[in-house]
Protein backbone atom coordinates (compact mmCIF):
# COMPACT_ATOMS: atom_id res chain seq x y z
CA UNK A 1 -13.46 21.04 -20.98
CA UNK A 2 -13.77 17.52 -19.55
CA UNK A 3 -14.68 16.08 -16.15
CA UNK A 4 -12.95 13.23 -14.40
CA UNK A 5 -15.14 11.63 -11.74
CA UNK A 6 -13.01 10.23 -8.91
CA UNK A 7 -14.43 7.30 -6.92
CA UNK A 8 -12.06 4.58 -5.65
CA UNK A 9 -9.11 6.05 -7.56
CA UNK A 10 -7.96 8.75 -5.18
CA UNK A 11 -4.63 9.55 -6.86
CA UNK A 12 -3.29 11.45 -9.85
CA UNK A 13 -0.38 9.12 -10.76
CA UNK A 14 -0.95 5.79 -12.53
CA UNK A 15 -4.62 6.67 -13.02
CA UNK A 16 -5.69 5.32 -16.42
CA UNK A 17 -9.10 6.95 -16.44
CA UNK A 18 -7.65 10.36 -15.63
CA UNK A 19 -4.91 9.85 -18.25
CA UNK A 20 -7.53 8.87 -20.83
CA UNK A 21 -9.01 12.34 -20.40
CA UNK A 22 -5.77 14.32 -20.16
CA UNK A 23 -4.39 12.65 -23.30
CA UNK A 24 -7.13 14.26 -25.42
CA UNK A 25 -6.98 17.83 -24.20
CA UNK A 26 -6.20 18.99 -27.73
CA UNK A 27 -9.63 17.72 -28.81
CA UNK A 28 -11.79 18.39 -25.76
CA UNK A 29 -9.91 20.81 -23.53
CA UNK A 30 -8.43 20.50 -20.04
CA UNK A 31 -9.77 18.26 -17.30
CA UNK A 32 -11.61 19.26 -14.14
CA UNK A 33 -11.57 16.60 -11.37
CA UNK A 34 -14.66 16.03 -9.26
CA UNK A 35 -15.64 13.87 -6.30
CA UNK A 36 -19.27 13.33 -5.36
CA UNK A 37 -20.32 12.29 -1.86
CA UNK A 38 -23.05 9.82 -2.76
CA UNK A 39 -25.54 9.03 0.02
CA UNK A 40 -26.23 5.59 -1.44
CA UNK A 41 -22.55 4.75 -1.03
CA UNK A 42 -22.22 6.43 2.36
CA UNK A 43 -25.12 4.30 3.61
CA UNK A 44 -22.72 1.35 3.43
CA UNK A 45 -19.87 3.29 5.04
CA UNK A 46 -18.30 3.25 8.49
CA UNK A 47 -16.38 5.72 10.60
CA UNK A 48 -13.06 4.00 9.97
CA UNK A 49 -13.41 3.81 6.20
CA UNK A 50 -14.86 7.28 5.76
CA UNK A 51 -12.09 8.75 7.92
CA UNK A 52 -9.46 7.13 5.67
CA UNK A 53 -11.34 8.30 2.58
CA UNK A 54 -11.46 11.91 3.82
CA UNK A 55 -7.73 11.83 4.54
CA UNK A 56 -7.11 10.44 1.05
CA UNK A 57 -9.28 13.14 -0.49
CA UNK A 58 -7.37 15.86 1.37
CA UNK A 59 -4.12 14.54 -0.12
CA UNK A 60 -5.72 14.29 -3.56
CA UNK A 61 -6.94 17.88 -3.32
CA UNK A 62 -3.41 19.00 -2.44
CA UNK A 63 -2.06 17.16 -5.49
CA UNK A 64 -4.38 19.13 -7.73
CA UNK A 65 -3.66 22.42 -5.97
CA UNK A 66 0.06 21.83 -6.46
CA UNK A 67 -0.75 21.71 -10.19
CA UNK A 68 -2.73 24.94 -10.11
CA UNK A 69 -6.11 23.19 -10.27
CA UNK A 70 -8.75 22.15 -7.75
CA UNK A 71 -10.75 19.09 -6.79
CA UNK A 72 -14.41 19.96 -7.19
CA UNK A 73 -16.41 18.53 -4.29
CA UNK A 74 -20.15 17.95 -4.49
CA UNK A 75 -22.70 16.11 -2.36
CA UNK A 76 -25.67 14.40 -3.95
CA UNK A 77 -26.78 11.77 -6.42
CA UNK A 78 -24.16 11.41 -9.20
CA UNK A 79 -27.00 10.80 -11.67
CA UNK A 80 -28.07 14.39 -11.02
CA UNK A 81 -24.80 16.07 -10.03
CA UNK A 82 -22.63 15.01 -12.98
CA UNK A 83 -25.01 16.05 -15.80
CA UNK A 84 -25.71 19.35 -14.03
CA UNK A 85 -22.02 20.08 -13.47
CA UNK A 86 -21.11 19.09 -17.04
CA UNK A 87 -23.81 21.41 -18.37
CA UNK A 88 -22.73 24.27 -16.06
CA UNK A 89 -19.09 24.01 -17.14
CA UNK A 90 -19.76 23.17 -20.77
CA UNK A 91 -17.87 19.89 -20.38
CA UNK A 92 -17.86 17.69 -23.45
CA UNK A 93 -17.20 14.40 -21.67
CA UNK A 94 -16.89 12.59 -18.33
CA UNK A 95 -14.43 9.80 -17.53
CA UNK A 96 -14.27 7.45 -14.56
CA UNK A 97 -12.73 4.16 -13.44
CA UNK A 98 -14.92 1.07 -13.64
CA UNK A 99 -16.50 -0.40 -10.52
CA UNK A 100 -17.49 -4.05 -10.27
CA UNK A 101 -20.01 -4.33 -7.45
CA UNK A 102 -23.71 -4.50 -8.16
CA UNK A 103 -24.21 -1.01 -6.69
CA UNK A 104 -21.43 0.43 -8.87
CA UNK A 105 -22.60 -1.14 -12.11
CA UNK A 106 -26.21 -0.08 -11.59
CA UNK A 107 -25.21 3.47 -10.65
CA UNK A 108 -22.84 3.77 -13.61
CA UNK A 109 -25.47 2.58 -16.06
CA UNK A 110 -27.85 5.25 -14.74
CA UNK A 111 -25.14 7.95 -14.98
CA UNK A 112 -24.44 6.98 -18.60
CA UNK A 113 -28.13 7.28 -19.43
CA UNK A 114 -28.43 10.71 -17.85
CA UNK A 115 -25.28 11.98 -19.58
CA UNK A 116 -26.65 10.74 -22.88
CA UNK A 117 -29.80 12.76 -22.25
CA UNK A 118 -27.76 15.99 -22.01
CA UNK A 119 -25.51 15.01 -24.91
CA UNK A 120 -22.32 14.62 -22.86
CA UNK A 121 -19.90 11.88 -23.93
CA UNK A 122 -18.65 9.42 -21.33
CA UNK A 123 -16.05 6.72 -20.99
CA UNK A 124 -15.29 4.29 -18.16
CA UNK A 125 -11.88 2.65 -17.99
CA UNK A 126 -10.51 -0.50 -16.33
CA UNK A 127 -8.14 0.90 -13.74
CA UNK A 128 -8.36 -0.97 -10.42
CA UNK A 129 -7.52 -4.32 -12.02
CA UNK A 130 -4.82 -5.45 -14.40
CA UNK A 131 -7.29 -7.67 -16.26
CA UNK A 132 -10.97 -6.75 -16.46
CA UNK A 133 -13.75 -9.30 -15.81
CA UNK A 134 -14.26 -11.52 -18.81
CA UNK A 135 -10.65 -11.25 -19.98
CA UNK A 136 -9.50 -14.36 -18.11
CA UNK A 137 -11.81 -17.31 -18.69
CA UNK A 138 -11.86 -21.07 -19.08
CA UNK A 139 -11.36 -22.57 -22.54
CA UNK A 140 -15.17 -22.59 -22.80
CA UNK A 141 -15.30 -18.84 -22.17
CA UNK A 142 -16.71 -19.15 -18.64
CA UNK A 143 -15.40 -17.21 -15.62
CA UNK A 144 -13.20 -19.23 -13.31
CA UNK A 145 -14.46 -20.53 -9.98
CA UNK A 146 -11.11 -22.16 -9.08
CA UNK A 147 -8.32 -19.75 -8.23
CA UNK A 148 -5.32 -21.91 -9.19
CA UNK A 149 -6.36 -21.99 -12.86
CA UNK A 150 -7.13 -18.26 -12.82
CA UNK A 151 -3.71 -17.55 -11.30
CA UNK A 152 -1.82 -19.41 -14.02
CA UNK A 153 -3.38 -17.26 -16.73
CA UNK A 154 -3.19 -14.05 -14.68
CA UNK A 155 0.51 -14.67 -13.99
CA UNK A 156 1.35 -15.20 -17.65
CA UNK A 157 -0.56 -12.20 -19.03
CA UNK A 158 1.51 -9.06 -19.72
CA UNK A 159 1.01 -6.24 -17.24
CA UNK A 160 0.69 -2.65 -18.40
CA UNK A 161 3.24 -0.09 -17.26
CA UNK A 162 2.20 2.69 -14.86
CA UNK A 163 1.18 6.00 -16.37
CA UNK A 164 2.48 9.38 -15.27
CA UNK A 165 0.53 11.99 -13.37
CA UNK A 166 -0.91 14.73 -15.62
CA UNK A 167 0.94 17.95 -16.25
CA UNK A 168 -0.56 21.13 -14.90
CA UNK A 169 -1.51 22.36 -18.37
CA UNK A 170 -3.78 19.31 -18.86
CA UNK A 171 -5.94 20.43 -15.92
CA UNK A 172 -8.43 23.27 -15.65
CA UNK A 173 -6.91 26.26 -13.90
CA UNK A 174 -8.38 27.09 -10.52
CA UNK A 175 -9.49 30.51 -11.76
CA UNK A 176 -11.64 28.86 -14.44
CA UNK A 177 -13.52 26.63 -12.00
CA UNK A 178 -16.56 27.39 -9.87
CA UNK A 179 -16.19 27.42 -6.11
CA UNK A 180 -15.75 23.99 -4.66
CA UNK A 181 -17.45 22.79 -1.51
CA UNK A 182 -15.03 22.24 1.37
CA UNK A 183 -14.31 18.66 2.32
CA UNK A 184 -16.90 17.67 4.90
CA UNK A 185 -16.08 16.40 8.36
CA UNK A 186 -17.12 12.99 9.60
CA UNK A 187 -19.85 14.66 11.61
CA UNK A 188 -21.11 16.45 8.48
CA UNK A 189 -21.54 13.02 6.87
CA UNK A 190 -23.22 11.52 9.91
CA UNK A 191 -20.30 9.48 11.28
CA UNK A 192 -18.63 9.45 14.67
CA UNK A 193 -14.91 9.91 15.08
CA UNK A 194 -13.21 6.52 14.82
CA UNK A 195 -11.77 4.98 17.95
CA UNK A 196 -9.33 2.95 15.84
CA UNK A 197 -5.84 4.18 15.03
CA UNK A 198 -6.24 4.66 11.27
CA UNK A 199 -3.08 4.50 9.14
CA UNK A 200 -2.26 7.60 7.05
CA UNK A 201 -3.81 7.79 3.58
CA UNK A 202 -2.53 9.39 0.39
CA UNK A 203 -0.18 8.31 -2.37
CA UNK A 204 3.01 9.32 -0.55
CA UNK A 205 2.15 7.14 2.44
CA UNK A 206 1.26 4.22 0.15
CA UNK A 207 4.52 4.57 -1.76
CA UNK A 208 6.50 4.61 1.47
CA UNK A 209 4.86 1.34 2.53
CA UNK A 210 5.45 -0.20 -0.89
CA UNK A 211 9.11 0.83 -0.96
CA UNK A 212 9.75 -0.41 2.57
CA UNK A 213 8.13 -3.74 1.74
CA UNK A 214 10.02 -4.26 -1.52
CA UNK A 215 13.32 -3.30 0.11
CA UNK A 216 13.32 -6.43 2.27
CA UNK A 217 10.20 -8.06 3.71
CA UNK A 218 8.95 -9.16 0.28
CA UNK A 219 11.83 -11.67 0.12
CA UNK A 220 10.60 -13.33 3.32
CA UNK A 221 6.95 -13.10 2.36
CA UNK A 222 6.43 -16.71 1.32
CA UNK A 223 7.96 -18.09 4.51
CA UNK A 224 6.79 -15.51 7.05
CA UNK A 225 3.57 -13.94 5.77
CA UNK A 226 1.41 -16.13 8.02
CA UNK A 227 3.18 -14.99 11.21
CA UNK A 228 1.27 -11.91 12.41
CA UNK A 229 3.98 -10.68 14.79
CA UNK A 230 6.59 -10.46 12.02
CA UNK A 231 5.21 -7.49 10.13
CA UNK A 232 6.11 -9.28 6.91
CA UNK A 233 3.17 -7.95 4.90
CA UNK A 234 2.80 -4.87 2.74
CA UNK A 235 -0.13 -3.20 4.55
CA UNK A 236 -1.23 -1.89 1.14
CA UNK A 237 -4.76 -3.28 1.26
CA UNK A 238 -6.41 0.02 2.18
CA UNK A 239 -4.36 1.90 -0.42
CA UNK A 240 -5.45 -0.55 -3.13
CA UNK A 241 -9.07 -0.47 -1.98
CA UNK A 242 -9.21 3.34 -2.16
CA UNK A 243 -6.87 3.62 -5.13
CA UNK A 244 -4.35 5.89 -3.46
CA UNK A 245 -1.77 3.86 -5.38
CA UNK A 246 -2.20 2.19 -8.77
CA UNK A 247 -2.09 -1.55 -9.37
CA UNK A 248 0.42 -1.08 -12.20
CA UNK A 249 2.80 0.83 -9.95
CA UNK A 250 2.57 -1.87 -7.28
CA UNK A 251 3.22 -4.65 -9.78
CA UNK A 252 6.12 -2.78 -11.37
CA UNK A 253 7.81 -2.39 -7.98
CA UNK A 254 7.37 -6.09 -7.21
CA UNK A 255 8.74 -7.03 -10.63
CA UNK A 256 11.79 -4.85 -9.92
CA UNK A 257 12.17 -6.61 -6.57
CA UNK A 258 12.16 -9.95 -8.41
CA UNK A 259 14.89 -8.66 -10.74
CA UNK A 260 17.03 -7.70 -7.74
CA UNK A 261 16.41 -11.01 -5.94
CA UNK A 262 19.57 -12.80 -4.91
CA UNK A 263 18.16 -16.33 -5.04
CA UNK A 264 15.38 -18.39 -6.57
CA UNK A 265 13.70 -18.60 -3.17
CA UNK A 266 13.63 -14.79 -3.03
CA UNK A 267 12.07 -14.65 -6.48
CA UNK A 268 9.53 -17.27 -5.46
CA UNK A 269 8.64 -15.16 -2.45
CA UNK A 270 7.96 -12.20 -4.75
CA UNK A 271 5.75 -14.42 -6.91
CA UNK A 272 3.85 -15.46 -3.79
CA UNK A 273 3.05 -11.82 -3.08
CA UNK A 274 2.03 -11.29 -6.69
CA UNK A 275 -0.33 -14.25 -6.33
CA UNK A 276 -2.10 -12.31 -3.58
CA UNK A 277 -2.64 -9.49 -6.06
CA UNK A 278 -4.18 -12.10 -8.35
CA UNK A 279 -6.49 -13.33 -5.56
CA UNK A 280 -7.77 -9.76 -5.28
CA UNK A 281 -8.62 -9.70 -8.98
CA UNK A 282 -10.09 -13.22 -8.91
CA UNK A 283 -12.66 -12.18 -6.33
CA UNK A 284 -13.54 -9.05 -8.31
CA UNK A 285 -14.24 -11.24 -11.33
CA UNK A 286 -16.39 -13.54 -9.18
CA UNK A 287 -18.41 -10.59 -7.84
CA UNK A 288 -18.88 -9.07 -11.28
CA UNK A 289 -20.38 -12.26 -12.70
CA UNK A 290 -22.20 -13.21 -9.49
CA UNK A 291 -23.38 -10.02 -7.77
CA UNK A 292 -25.81 -12.02 -5.63
CA UNK A 293 -22.91 -13.48 -3.59
CA UNK A 294 -22.91 -10.35 -1.42
CA UNK A 295 -25.83 -11.86 0.48
CA UNK A 296 -26.17 -15.42 -0.89
CA UNK A 297 -23.98 -18.49 -0.74
CA UNK A 298 -21.96 -19.02 -3.90
CA UNK A 299 -21.97 -22.77 -3.36
CA UNK A 300 -25.39 -24.37 -3.19
CA UNK A 301 -26.17 -27.12 -0.70
CA UNK A 302 -29.10 -29.52 -0.95
CA UNK A 303 -30.59 -28.10 2.26
CA UNK A 304 -30.13 -24.78 4.06
CA UNK A 305 -27.21 -24.67 6.49
CA UNK A 306 -28.62 -24.70 10.03
CA UNK A 307 -26.58 -21.81 11.44
CA UNK A 308 -26.91 -21.19 15.18
CA UNK A 309 -28.22 -17.96 16.66
CA UNK A 310 -26.59 -17.22 20.02
CA UNK A 311 -26.29 -13.47 20.64
CA UNK A 312 -24.03 -13.95 23.68
CA UNK A 313 -21.49 -16.01 21.78
CA UNK A 314 -21.59 -13.62 18.83
CA UNK A 315 -21.01 -10.68 21.18
CA UNK A 316 -18.07 -12.46 22.82
CA UNK A 317 -16.53 -12.97 19.38
CA UNK A 318 -17.01 -9.33 18.41
CA UNK A 319 -15.55 -8.12 21.72
CA UNK A 320 -12.55 -10.45 21.66
CA UNK A 321 -13.72 -12.29 24.76
CA UNK A 322 -13.98 -15.89 23.54
CA UNK A 323 -11.20 -17.35 25.69
CA UNK A 324 -9.32 -18.40 22.56
CA UNK A 325 -6.27 -16.08 22.60
CA UNK A 326 -5.44 -15.86 18.87
CA UNK A 327 -9.11 -15.24 18.05
CA UNK A 328 -9.43 -12.53 20.67
CA UNK A 329 -6.19 -10.86 19.57
CA UNK A 330 -7.48 -10.64 16.01
CA UNK A 331 -10.83 -9.21 17.00
CA UNK A 332 -9.17 -6.61 19.21
CA UNK A 333 -6.72 -5.67 16.47
CA UNK A 334 -9.74 -5.10 14.23
CA UNK A 335 -11.26 -2.76 16.80
CA UNK A 336 -8.02 -0.93 17.59
CA UNK A 337 -6.59 -0.54 14.07
CA UNK A 338 -9.38 -1.16 11.59
CA UNK A 339 -7.15 -3.92 10.22
CA UNK A 340 -6.46 -7.61 10.83
CA UNK A 341 -3.55 -9.72 9.63
CA UNK A 342 -4.65 -12.06 6.84
CA UNK A 343 -3.85 -15.36 8.60
CA UNK A 344 -5.74 -14.13 11.64
CA UNK A 345 -8.69 -13.12 9.46
CA UNK A 346 -8.95 -16.76 8.40
CA UNK A 347 -8.68 -17.96 11.99
CA UNK A 348 -11.38 -15.67 13.38
CA UNK A 349 -13.66 -16.39 10.41
CA UNK A 350 -13.26 -20.13 10.87
CA UNK A 351 -13.97 -19.76 14.58
CA UNK A 352 -17.18 -17.86 13.96
CA UNK A 353 -18.52 -20.20 11.30
CA UNK A 354 -17.15 -23.58 12.47
CA UNK A 355 -16.86 -23.21 16.28
CA UNK A 356 -19.74 -20.84 16.99
CA UNK A 357 -21.67 -22.12 13.94
CA UNK A 358 -22.75 -18.56 13.11
CA UNK A 359 -23.75 -17.47 9.61
CA UNK A 360 -20.82 -15.91 7.71
CA UNK A 361 -22.99 -12.90 6.93
CA UNK A 362 -22.74 -11.81 10.57
CA UNK A 363 -18.97 -11.79 10.36
CA UNK A 364 -18.95 -10.07 6.99
CA UNK A 365 -21.18 -7.29 8.35
CA UNK A 366 -18.98 -6.80 11.42
CA UNK A 367 -15.80 -6.63 9.35
CA UNK A 368 -17.46 -4.19 6.97
CA UNK A 369 -18.14 -1.92 9.93
CA UNK A 370 -14.53 -1.86 11.14
CA UNK A 371 -12.14 -2.63 8.29
CA UNK A 372 -10.53 0.38 6.64
CA UNK A 373 -9.67 -1.86 3.69
CA UNK A 374 -13.17 -3.34 3.38
CA UNK A 375 -13.63 -4.36 -0.22
CA UNK A 376 -16.91 -6.06 -1.12
CA UNK A 377 -15.33 -8.56 -3.49
CA UNK A 378 -12.40 -9.59 -1.32
CA UNK A 379 -14.15 -9.62 2.04
CA UNK A 380 -17.08 -11.56 0.68
CA UNK A 381 -14.76 -14.01 -1.02
CA UNK A 382 -12.74 -14.49 2.14
CA UNK A 383 -15.73 -15.02 4.37
CA UNK A 384 -17.36 -17.48 2.01
CA UNK A 385 -14.05 -19.33 1.69
CA UNK A 386 -13.87 -19.76 5.46
CA UNK A 387 -17.53 -20.77 5.68
CA UNK A 388 -17.14 -23.41 2.93
CA UNK A 389 -19.85 -21.72 0.87
CA UNK A 390 -17.73 -19.87 -1.72
CA UNK A 391 -15.63 -20.43 -4.81
CA UNK A 392 -12.67 -22.73 -4.35
CA UNK A 393 -13.64 -22.78 -0.68
CA UNK A 394 -12.11 -24.48 2.33
CA UNK A 395 -13.69 -27.98 2.41
CA UNK A 396 -16.27 -28.11 5.19
CA UNK A 397 -14.37 -30.92 6.95
CA UNK A 398 -11.14 -28.90 7.24
CA UNK A 399 -11.70 -26.85 10.36
CA UNK A 400 -9.04 -24.62 11.89
CA UNK A 401 -8.10 -25.48 15.46
CA UNK A 402 -7.64 -22.01 16.99
CA UNK A 403 -5.18 -23.26 19.61
CA UNK A 404 -2.84 -25.04 17.20
CA UNK A 405 -3.10 -22.11 14.79
CA UNK A 406 -1.98 -19.77 17.54
CA UNK A 407 0.85 -22.02 18.60
CA UNK A 408 2.05 -22.53 15.02
CA UNK A 409 1.91 -18.94 13.81
CA UNK A 410 2.51 -17.02 17.04
CA UNK A 411 4.70 -19.44 19.03
CA UNK A 412 6.01 -16.83 21.46
CA UNK A 413 2.53 -15.28 21.82
CA UNK A 414 4.01 -11.94 20.77
CA UNK A 415 1.02 -11.01 18.61
CA UNK A 416 -1.47 -12.32 21.16
CA UNK A 417 -0.04 -10.39 24.10
CA UNK A 418 0.19 -7.21 22.00
CA UNK A 419 -3.60 -7.11 21.76
CA UNK A 420 -4.63 -9.14 24.82
CA UNK A 421 -2.78 -7.42 27.66
CA UNK A 422 -4.43 -9.63 30.27
CA UNK A 423 -2.12 -12.43 29.09
CA UNK A 424 1.16 -10.50 29.08
CA UNK A 425 2.40 -12.13 32.28
CA UNK A 426 1.41 -15.63 31.17
CA UNK A 427 3.85 -18.13 29.74
CA UNK A 428 3.31 -18.81 26.00
CA UNK A 429 2.82 -22.50 26.71
CA UNK A 430 -0.05 -21.66 29.05
CA UNK A 431 -1.53 -19.22 26.54
CA UNK A 432 -1.53 -21.85 23.81
CA UNK A 433 -2.92 -24.41 26.24
CA UNK A 434 -5.53 -22.08 27.71
CA UNK A 435 -8.32 -24.45 26.74
CA UNK A 436 -6.74 -27.21 28.83
CA UNK A 437 -5.58 -25.11 31.78
CA UNK A 438 -7.19 -25.56 35.16
CA UNK A 439 -9.26 -22.82 36.72
CA UNK A 440 -6.50 -22.29 39.28
CA UNK A 441 -3.88 -21.86 36.53
CA UNK A 442 -6.06 -19.39 34.71
CA UNK A 443 -6.80 -17.32 37.81
CA UNK A 444 -3.15 -17.18 38.79
CA UNK A 445 -1.88 -16.28 35.33
CA UNK A 446 -4.60 -13.96 33.98
CA UNK A 447 -7.59 -13.56 36.29
CA UNK A 448 -9.31 -11.04 34.00
CA UNK A 449 -9.13 -13.17 30.85
CA UNK A 450 -12.15 -15.44 30.22
CA UNK A 451 -12.22 -19.19 30.02
CA UNK A 452 -13.09 -20.62 26.57
CA UNK A 453 -16.76 -20.05 25.80
CA UNK A 454 -17.06 -23.29 23.79
CA UNK A 455 -15.22 -26.58 23.51
CA UNK A 456 -13.53 -26.73 20.11
CA UNK A 457 -13.75 -30.51 19.85
CA UNK A 458 -17.47 -30.56 20.56
CA UNK A 459 -18.21 -27.73 18.16
CA UNK A 460 -16.08 -29.29 15.45
CA UNK A 461 -18.27 -32.36 15.62
CA UNK A 462 -21.41 -30.22 15.47
CA UNK A 463 -20.06 -28.33 12.47
CA UNK A 464 -19.39 -31.54 10.59
CA UNK A 465 -22.91 -32.75 11.34
CA UNK A 466 -24.38 -29.40 10.31
CA UNK A 467 -22.69 -29.46 6.92
CA UNK A 468 -23.41 -33.13 6.33
CA UNK A 469 -27.09 -32.44 6.92
CA UNK A 470 -26.94 -29.50 4.51
CA UNK A 471 -25.37 -31.83 1.94
CA UNK A 472 -28.21 -34.32 2.44
CA UNK A 473 -25.97 -36.97 3.98
């Protein structure tokens, strides 16, 4: 018998680590799948993410039951649970998919040591990425800190094909397994019910989103992906974070879309989406080689950045009450859906760090609390990019103007008014000129919507001075 330890790979199809085990059943016997609720991981959880995870686990359990097997559920420290379960079942080996955060690598090293102590073989497999950290480097063998060079090599490397889900006979029959614990509720795990409208989890739901995207929107992706009202994005970020769909399956579908493209511009649009998949892997490589970036600036300045500490302004940002419509729409979408459109993520991050002059770590922590698709590598990379402290970051002197960003990417204020109902009766020109509107205009158009809490021009100047001082200028 063998064990497969599920973590962020909550699927049976296109799961390389699971396939690694099921391919050697002749040598080591069938595979029993297990998921361990780890308190060290749950300590970093949130209601939104754990709710999605539980939904994904319920679908995963059904996949195994359809094959006459069962997902074993345990709660505890994997360093204790896995050796004990392997010993109880007489399992010869344990497989799992590699993790790349500091917490994952430390935990996995400890699990390997404990399995060695009870003479149980183990193997971890690169599954969440096409190309593992260290496989794409500079000519000097160093990890990349500039995305464009990483992308060129990532794009040109062959991509593995998806692997099939295991047959029923490769899995341990339910009758040969011990009783499994039921899936816990959110309350059992110490979380409240989410107030956000969480999208469905599971492989079927992910495949439906992927198919719908590749059937049309992917061909407009390059031109329209920055327009949040268009819906021209895949919405696969949570599925990729939790592994309810495999990266090889996603890439294969996009490659097929490129083959069916009717023009070079359509094919270029597909490549633009594929470049976003490469961004995801780039940030995982950065985190693997620089685990300290979770709490420390990647880019060093001569002096500490003099971030401001204004609880009222921070609270207004979190609540979507800044008086900058596109910013407030994004923050309310985060609260209502556990998701924010990518262009809007950049806008709200720039506003926090360059208009409110607040440390990026505050924004990262808030997003971690609400985002269903929170991924340490990608969220950290995005926040440090916006704050001009990360790899290949936005230069400190390029500061998003939230009003022109709103006017450019949401010209009819469709996205804004979807999430800021106070402005639904206001003309788009007034919405985009809210910072210049008179008090009378504001009261007549949207009396319940706040005036801007800061002046963008003034704060832009302060941000430039703050970064120049940090640079020693």
